[in-house]
Amino acid sequence: MIKSAIEHMRAIQMQSLAAEVGYTPLGGEAHTIRAVVGRTVFRATDADGIWTRVETRDFIVSKEQLPSEPQVGDEIEFLGHTYEVLSPAGEPCWRWSDAFHTAYRIHAKNTGG
């Protein structure tokens, strides 16, 4: 019952909150998908005890829209800017957005393009 509710809410989210973005897998061809845009802040310390803070632009994408898992180096075009999928502070470049694995939360950084 909970899984069904999450899938229903994900469909509503993708329909009402998502924007069209271009997605280009590393070495692949660009295609248009829908993504909910967000952000995540990562904090880490190095060997000297210095804190670093990395803020990523996140793109929440339903699993059905991508033929394979996101990987470092994939690119996302959003509002005329290019974002590269990355692994911030030693973390994976994506994580599941919910407990039932209905969507990826992809971490990316604006490359200035």
N, C-alpha and C. Protein backbone atom coordinates (compact mmCIF):
# COMPACT_ATOMS: atom_id res chain seq x y z
N MET A 1 0.82 -1.19 0.00
CA MET A 1 0.00 0.00 0.00
C MET A 1 0.87 1.26 0.00
N ILE A 2 1.93 1.27 0.81
CA ILE A 2 2.81 2.44 0.86
C ILE A 2 3.53 2.61 -0.46
N LYS A 3 4.00 1.51 -1.05
CA LYS A 3 4.69 1.58 -2.34
C LYS A 3 3.77 2.17 -3.40
N SER A 4 2.53 1.74 -3.42
CA SER A 4 1.56 2.26 -4.38
C SER A 4 1.35 3.76 -4.19
N ALA A 5 1.28 4.20 -2.95
CA ALA A 5 1.10 5.63 -2.66
C ALA A 5 2.32 6.43 -3.12
N ILE A 6 3.52 5.90 -2.88
CA ILE A 6 4.74 6.60 -3.30
C ILE A 6 4.79 6.69 -4.82
N GLU A 7 4.46 5.61 -5.51
CA GLU A 7 4.45 5.64 -6.98
C GLU A 7 3.44 6.65 -7.50
N HIS A 8 2.28 6.73 -6.86
CA HIS A 8 1.26 7.70 -7.26
C HIS A 8 1.76 9.14 -7.02
N MET A 9 2.35 9.38 -5.87
CA MET A 9 2.87 10.72 -5.56
C MET A 9 4.03 11.08 -6.50
N ARG A 10 4.87 10.11 -6.85
CA ARG A 10 5.97 10.37 -7.78
C ARG A 10 5.43 10.80 -9.14
N ALA A 11 4.37 10.14 -9.60
CA ALA A 11 3.76 10.50 -10.89
C ALA A 11 3.22 11.93 -10.84
N ILE A 12 2.58 12.30 -9.75
CA ILE A 12 2.06 13.67 -9.60
C ILE A 12 3.22 14.66 -9.57
N GLN A 13 4.28 14.33 -8.84
CA GLN A 13 5.46 15.19 -8.75
C GLN A 13 6.06 15.42 -10.14
N MET A 14 6.23 14.36 -10.91
CA MET A 14 6.83 14.48 -12.24
C MET A 14 5.95 15.28 -13.19
N GLN A 15 4.64 15.17 -13.01
CA GLN A 15 3.72 15.88 -13.87
C GLN A 15 3.65 17.37 -13.53
N SER A 16 3.64 17.70 -12.24
CA SER A 16 3.39 19.09 -11.85
C SER A 16 4.63 19.88 -11.46
N LEU A 17 5.71 19.22 -11.01
CA LEU A 17 6.88 19.96 -10.52
C LEU A 17 8.11 19.82 -11.41
N ALA A 18 8.13 18.84 -12.29
CA ALA A 18 9.32 18.56 -13.08
C ALA A 18 9.45 19.52 -14.26
N ALA A 19 10.71 19.72 -14.65
CA ALA A 19 11.04 20.53 -15.83
C ALA A 19 11.70 19.63 -16.85
N GLU A 20 11.62 20.01 -18.12
CA GLU A 20 12.32 19.26 -19.15
C GLU A 20 13.80 19.63 -19.11
N VAL A 21 14.64 18.62 -19.13
CA VAL A 21 16.09 18.80 -19.15
C VAL A 21 16.66 17.89 -20.22
N GLY A 22 17.84 18.26 -20.72
CA GLY A 22 18.55 17.39 -21.64
C GLY A 22 19.48 16.51 -20.85
N TYR A 23 19.52 15.23 -21.18
CA TYR A 23 20.39 14.29 -20.47
C TYR A 23 21.27 13.59 -21.49
N THR A 24 22.58 13.67 -21.29
CA THR A 24 23.53 13.01 -22.18
C THR A 24 24.40 12.06 -21.37
N PRO A 25 24.18 10.76 -21.53
CA PRO A 25 25.04 9.81 -20.83
C PRO A 25 26.47 9.91 -21.39
N LEU A 26 27.45 9.61 -20.58
CA LEU A 26 28.84 9.64 -21.00
C LEU A 26 29.02 8.75 -22.23
N GLY A 27 29.44 9.36 -23.32
CA GLY A 27 29.64 8.62 -24.56
C GLY A 27 28.36 8.28 -25.29
N GLY A 28 27.23 8.82 -24.85
CA GLY A 28 25.94 8.50 -25.47
C GLY A 28 25.33 9.71 -26.16
N GLU A 29 24.09 9.57 -26.56
CA GLU A 29 23.37 10.63 -27.25
C GLU A 29 22.40 11.33 -26.30
N ALA A 30 22.24 12.62 -26.53
CA ALA A 30 21.35 13.44 -25.70
C ALA A 30 19.89 13.07 -25.95
N HIS A 31 19.10 13.14 -24.89
CA HIS A 31 17.66 12.99 -25.01
C HIS A 31 17.00 13.84 -23.93
N THR A 32 15.73 14.12 -24.10
CA THR A 32 15.00 14.97 -23.16
C THR A 32 14.26 14.10 -22.15
N ILE A 33 14.39 14.50 -20.88
CA ILE A 33 13.68 13.81 -19.79
C ILE A 33 13.06 14.87 -18.90
N ARG A 34 12.26 14.44 -17.94
CA ARG A 34 11.69 15.35 -16.96
C ARG A 34 12.37 15.11 -15.62
N ALA A 35 12.69 16.20 -14.92
CA ALA A 35 13.39 16.10 -13.64
C ALA A 35 12.89 17.17 -12.68
N VAL A 36 12.80 16.82 -11.43
CA VAL A 36 12.52 17.78 -10.37
C VAL A 36 13.89 18.28 -9.90
N VAL A 37 14.05 19.59 -9.87
CA VAL A 37 15.35 20.18 -9.55
C VAL A 37 15.42 20.50 -8.05
N GLY A 38 16.55 20.15 -7.45
CA GLY A 38 16.76 20.40 -6.02
C GLY A 38 18.23 20.66 -5.75
N ARG A 39 18.63 20.48 -4.50
CA ARG A 39 20.04 20.66 -4.15
C ARG A 39 20.36 19.81 -2.93
N THR A 40 21.65 19.52 -2.76
CA THR A 40 22.15 18.83 -1.59
C THR A 40 23.45 19.49 -1.17
N VAL A 41 23.66 19.63 0.14
CA VAL A 41 24.91 20.17 0.66
C VAL A 41 25.68 19.03 1.30
N PHE A 42 26.93 18.86 0.87
CA PHE A 42 27.83 17.85 1.43
C PHE A 42 28.92 18.56 2.21
N ARG A 43 29.27 18.01 3.37
CA ARG A 43 30.36 18.56 4.18
C ARG A 43 31.34 17.44 4.48
N ALA A 44 32.63 17.76 4.43
CA ALA A 44 33.67 16.76 4.71
C ALA A 44 34.88 17.46 5.29
N THR A 45 35.70 16.69 5.99
CA THR A 45 36.97 17.22 6.49
C THR A 45 38.10 16.48 5.81
N ASP A 46 39.20 17.20 5.57
CA ASP A 46 40.37 16.54 4.99
C ASP A 46 41.30 16.08 6.10
N ALA A 47 42.46 15.56 5.73
CA ALA A 47 43.41 15.01 6.71
C ALA A 47 43.91 16.06 7.69
N ASP A 48 43.87 17.34 7.30
CA ASP A 48 44.32 18.43 8.18
C ASP A 48 43.19 18.98 9.04
N GLY A 49 42.00 18.42 8.92
CA GLY A 49 40.87 18.88 9.71
C GLY A 49 40.15 20.08 9.11
N ILE A 50 40.44 20.40 7.87
CA ILE A 50 39.80 21.54 7.21
C ILE A 50 38.47 21.09 6.60
N TRP A 51 37.41 21.83 6.94
CA TRP A 51 36.08 21.51 6.43
C TRP A 51 35.92 22.03 5.02
N THR A 52 35.30 21.24 4.18
CA THR A 52 34.89 21.70 2.86
C THR A 52 33.38 21.51 2.74
N ARG A 53 32.79 22.39 1.99
CA ARG A 53 31.34 22.35 1.77
C ARG A 53 31.11 22.37 0.27
N VAL A 54 30.37 21.39 -0.22
CA VAL A 54 30.04 21.31 -1.64
C VAL A 54 28.53 21.29 -1.77
N GLU A 55 28.00 22.20 -2.57
CA GLU A 55 26.56 22.20 -2.83
C GLU A 55 26.35 21.76 -4.27
N THR A 56 25.51 20.75 -4.45
CA THR A 56 25.24 20.25 -5.79
C THR A 56 23.83 20.63 -6.22
N ARG A 57 23.65 20.75 -7.51
CA ARG A 57 22.32 20.86 -8.10
C ARG A 57 21.88 19.43 -8.29
N ASP A 58 20.74 19.07 -7.78
CA ASP A 58 20.24 17.71 -7.89
C ASP A 58 19.09 17.64 -8.89
N PHE A 59 19.02 16.54 -9.57
CA PHE A 59 17.95 16.28 -10.53
C PHE A 59 17.32 14.95 -10.15
N ILE A 60 16.05 15.00 -9.75
CA ILE A 60 15.31 13.79 -9.38
C ILE A 60 14.59 13.30 -10.63
N VAL A 61 14.96 12.09 -11.04
CA VAL A 61 14.50 11.53 -12.31
C VAL A 61 13.89 10.15 -12.07
N SER A 62 12.70 9.90 -12.60
CA SER A 62 12.12 8.58 -12.43
C SER A 62 12.99 7.53 -13.12
N LYS A 63 13.08 6.39 -12.51
CA LYS A 63 13.97 5.31 -12.98
C LYS A 63 13.66 4.91 -14.42
N GLU A 64 12.41 4.97 -14.82
CA GLU A 64 12.01 4.54 -16.16
C GLU A 64 12.57 5.43 -17.28
N GLN A 65 12.97 6.66 -16.93
CA GLN A 65 13.44 7.58 -17.98
C GLN A 65 14.88 7.33 -18.42
N LEU A 66 15.65 6.61 -17.61
CA LEU A 66 17.05 6.37 -17.95
C LEU A 66 17.28 4.89 -18.24
N PRO A 67 17.98 4.57 -19.33
CA PRO A 67 18.22 3.17 -19.66
C PRO A 67 19.23 2.49 -18.73
N SER A 68 20.06 3.28 -18.05
CA SER A 68 21.04 2.72 -17.11
C SER A 68 21.25 3.71 -15.97
N GLU A 69 21.95 3.26 -14.93
CA GLU A 69 22.20 4.13 -13.79
C GLU A 69 23.06 5.33 -14.21
N PRO A 70 22.81 6.49 -13.61
CA PRO A 70 23.66 7.66 -13.88
C PRO A 70 25.11 7.35 -13.51
N GLN A 71 26.04 8.00 -14.21
CA GLN A 71 27.44 7.82 -13.87
C GLN A 71 28.19 9.15 -13.97
N VAL A 72 29.31 9.23 -13.27
CA VAL A 72 30.14 10.43 -13.29
C VAL A 72 30.49 10.74 -14.74
N GLY A 73 30.32 12.00 -15.11
CA GLY A 73 30.63 12.44 -16.47
C GLY A 73 29.41 12.61 -17.34
N ASP A 74 28.26 12.05 -16.95
CA ASP A 74 27.03 12.33 -17.68
C ASP A 74 26.77 13.83 -17.60
N GLU A 75 26.05 14.38 -18.57
CA GLU A 75 25.75 15.81 -18.55
C GLU A 75 24.25 16.06 -18.60
N ILE A 76 23.86 17.13 -17.91
CA ILE A 76 22.46 17.55 -17.87
C ILE A 76 22.40 19.01 -18.29
N GLU A 77 21.54 19.32 -19.24
CA GLU A 77 21.31 20.70 -19.69
C GLU A 77 20.03 21.20 -19.02
N PHE A 78 20.15 22.35 -18.33
CA PHE A 78 19.00 22.91 -17.64
C PHE A 78 19.07 24.43 -17.69
N LEU A 79 18.05 25.06 -18.22
CA LEU A 79 17.96 26.52 -18.34
C LEU A 79 19.20 27.13 -18.99
N GLY A 80 19.69 26.47 -20.03
CA GLY A 80 20.83 27.00 -20.77
C GLY A 80 22.18 26.75 -20.12
N HIS A 81 22.21 26.00 -19.04
CA HIS A 81 23.47 25.70 -18.36
C HIS A 81 23.75 24.20 -18.44
N THR A 82 25.03 23.86 -18.44
CA THR A 82 25.45 22.46 -18.46
C THR A 82 25.90 22.05 -17.06
N TYR A 83 25.37 20.94 -16.59
CA TYR A 83 25.73 20.37 -15.29
C TYR A 83 26.36 19.00 -15.53
N GLU A 84 27.49 18.75 -14.87
CA GLU A 84 28.15 17.46 -14.99
C GLU A 84 27.88 16.63 -13.75
N VAL A 85 27.50 15.38 -13.95
CA VAL A 85 27.27 14.47 -12.84
C VAL A 85 28.60 14.19 -12.16
N LEU A 86 28.63 14.30 -10.83
CA LEU A 86 29.87 14.14 -10.09
C LEU A 86 29.66 13.40 -8.78
N SER A 87 30.77 12.99 -8.17
CA SER A 87 30.75 12.33 -6.86
C SER A 87 31.29 13.31 -5.82
N PRO A 88 30.42 14.07 -5.17
CA PRO A 88 30.89 15.09 -4.21
C PRO A 88 31.40 14.48 -2.91
N ALA A 89 32.51 14.96 -2.45
CA ALA A 89 33.08 14.57 -1.14
C ALA A 89 33.14 13.06 -0.96
N GLY A 90 33.47 12.33 -2.03
CA GLY A 90 33.59 10.89 -1.93
C GLY A 90 32.28 10.13 -1.90
N GLU A 91 31.18 10.83 -2.07
CA GLU A 91 29.86 10.20 -2.08
C GLU A 91 29.56 9.66 -3.48
N PRO A 92 28.59 8.76 -3.60
CA PRO A 92 28.17 8.32 -4.94
C PRO A 92 27.56 9.48 -5.73
N CYS A 93 27.52 9.37 -7.04
CA CYS A 93 27.00 10.46 -7.87
C CYS A 93 25.47 10.49 -7.88
N TRP A 94 24.83 9.47 -7.36
CA TRP A 94 23.38 9.45 -7.25
C TRP A 94 22.99 8.57 -6.06
N ARG A 95 21.76 8.72 -5.65
CA ARG A 95 21.19 7.85 -4.62
C ARG A 95 19.71 7.70 -4.92
N TRP A 96 19.11 6.71 -4.34
CA TRP A 96 17.67 6.55 -4.53
C TRP A 96 16.94 7.67 -3.82
N SER A 97 15.89 8.13 -4.42
CA SER A 97 15.12 9.23 -3.84
C SER A 97 14.10 8.74 -2.82
N ASP A 98 13.84 7.45 -2.82
CA ASP A 98 12.88 6.89 -1.86
C ASP A 98 13.22 5.43 -1.57
N ALA A 99 12.56 4.88 -0.59
CA ALA A 99 12.84 3.51 -0.15
C ALA A 99 12.45 2.44 -1.17
N PHE A 100 11.60 2.78 -2.13
CA PHE A 100 11.13 1.80 -3.10
C PHE A 100 11.84 1.92 -4.45
N HIS A 101 12.87 2.77 -4.51
CA HIS A 101 13.72 2.89 -5.70
C HIS A 101 12.94 3.26 -6.96
N THR A 102 12.07 4.27 -6.84
CA THR A 102 11.29 4.71 -7.99
C THR A 102 11.98 5.83 -8.76
N ALA A 103 12.97 6.52 -8.13
CA ALA A 103 13.63 7.64 -8.80
C ALA A 103 15.06 7.81 -8.32
N TYR A 104 15.90 8.28 -9.23
CA TYR A 104 17.28 8.63 -8.90
C TYR A 104 17.34 10.08 -8.43
N ARG A 105 18.18 10.37 -7.46
CA ARG A 105 18.53 11.75 -7.11
C ARG A 105 19.98 11.90 -7.56
N ILE A 106 20.16 12.62 -8.67
CA ILE A 106 21.46 12.71 -9.33
C ILE A 106 22.14 14.00 -8.90
N HIS A 107 23.39 13.91 -8.44
CA HIS A 107 24.16 15.07 -7.99
C HIS A 107 24.99 15.59 -9.17
N ALA A 108 24.93 16.91 -9.41
CA ALA A 108 25.66 17.51 -10.53
C ALA A 108 26.14 18.90 -10.15
N LYS A 109 27.10 19.39 -10.91
CA LYS A 109 27.68 20.71 -10.67
C LYS A 109 27.72 21.48 -11.98
N ASN A 110 27.36 22.76 -11.91
CA ASN A 110 27.41 23.62 -13.08
C ASN A 110 28.85 23.72 -13.57
N THR A 111 29.06 23.42 -14.83
CA THR A 111 30.42 23.48 -15.39
C THR A 111 30.74 24.84 -15.98
N GLY A 112 29.83 25.77 -15.85
CA GLY A 112 30.06 27.12 -16.37
C GLY A 112 29.61 27.29 -17.81
N GLY A 113 29.12 26.22 -18.40
CA GLY A 113 28.68 26.28 -19.79
C GLY A 113 27.20 26.42 -19.92
